[in-house]
Amino acid sequence: MTERNLSWEDIFLCYPIFDNICSHLDPVDILFLRLTTKKLSPCFESLFKTQWNINRQLTRFVKDPVSLRSLLAKHDALMSGVFALQFFKRETWDDTVQFFKRAIVSPFRKSDPIDEYLMGREGYELQSAKAWSGDLTDLFAGLTAPISEIKKYHRRSSTKAEAVHVRIIYTIGTPLKAIFRIFRGSFVVNIISWNFAYSLFPALNYIKRTAHGSKGGRNANSEVTWTWQEAAAQGGIKHLHSLQFRRIGDSYTWSIALDTNGVKAGQPTSVLQHSFFKVMENPS
């Protein structure tokens, strides 16, 4: 009987070992590990569906995350903001999730399906509903953001001291366009659809730990984790490829295929992944 020495790749291909090791790594370490060899690609596909489990993250807010995701898919709504950032970082520090949905312009419809679902099925109470005024600084948004209305909901729990919150942001035009217009810092531009999660600037966010943004996008909380730079002032747009003309899901994007078991499909993946964007310099 012959013996052979096992390489580190052989050990990592044992998924329970791989999963346990990765549970102790930061996102930046996992991104670097992913670049070392293509042999681990199947392991990463499984890892992203378990350790980046969107259903588990959403159970903080709803009892039936699969039904919620099916509803979001039906109405082409997206998740973004702090919740999506926490999802990629595998951390929890804020009990709010934000849904971006195109505003319904119809004299015959008085309510919104997501609004009805939250209050009718999930026990949420409406806290406030108001037209966009540009004073919600936690959105990192400006006065000209393409938003028509913001609704806030909360639900108290008998087992938790703090209530959980849901915010529906009704957009003028597509939710994706609104997200790009609203968020002024690269660290918070993360998007979750019904079947994929996209971190558009992972190299900046997790490897360089640098937040690029436009004027007004700086936030005290962001400075705890990221070194803030204004891309135009640093000449960053010319020298950083991830700030050039881009496509969602391109090679600069950290894309995670989500577990869609039981989720009713929404629009094809190609629709979102054929959306292009570019970081523009502020006029001096």
Foldseek 3Di string as FASTA:
>chain_A
DDDDDDDVLNVCVPLVSVLVVVVPDWLVVVVVVVPPDCSCVVSVLVNCQPLLPVVVLCVLPAVDVQVVQLVCQAQVKKWFFPSLLCSSRVHDDAQETEIEGADDDDPVDDDDPSVCCCVVPGPKDWDDKDADQQPPCSQLAGRPQQFGMKIKIWDDDPVDPDIHMYMYTHGHPHSLVSSVRGAFKLSGSWIDHSWKTKNLACCQCPVVQEIEGDPSNDDPVSVVRHHYDHCVVVVNCVPPPSQAKDFTPDPNMDMHGYDNVSRDHHDDPVVRRRDIDHHDHDDD
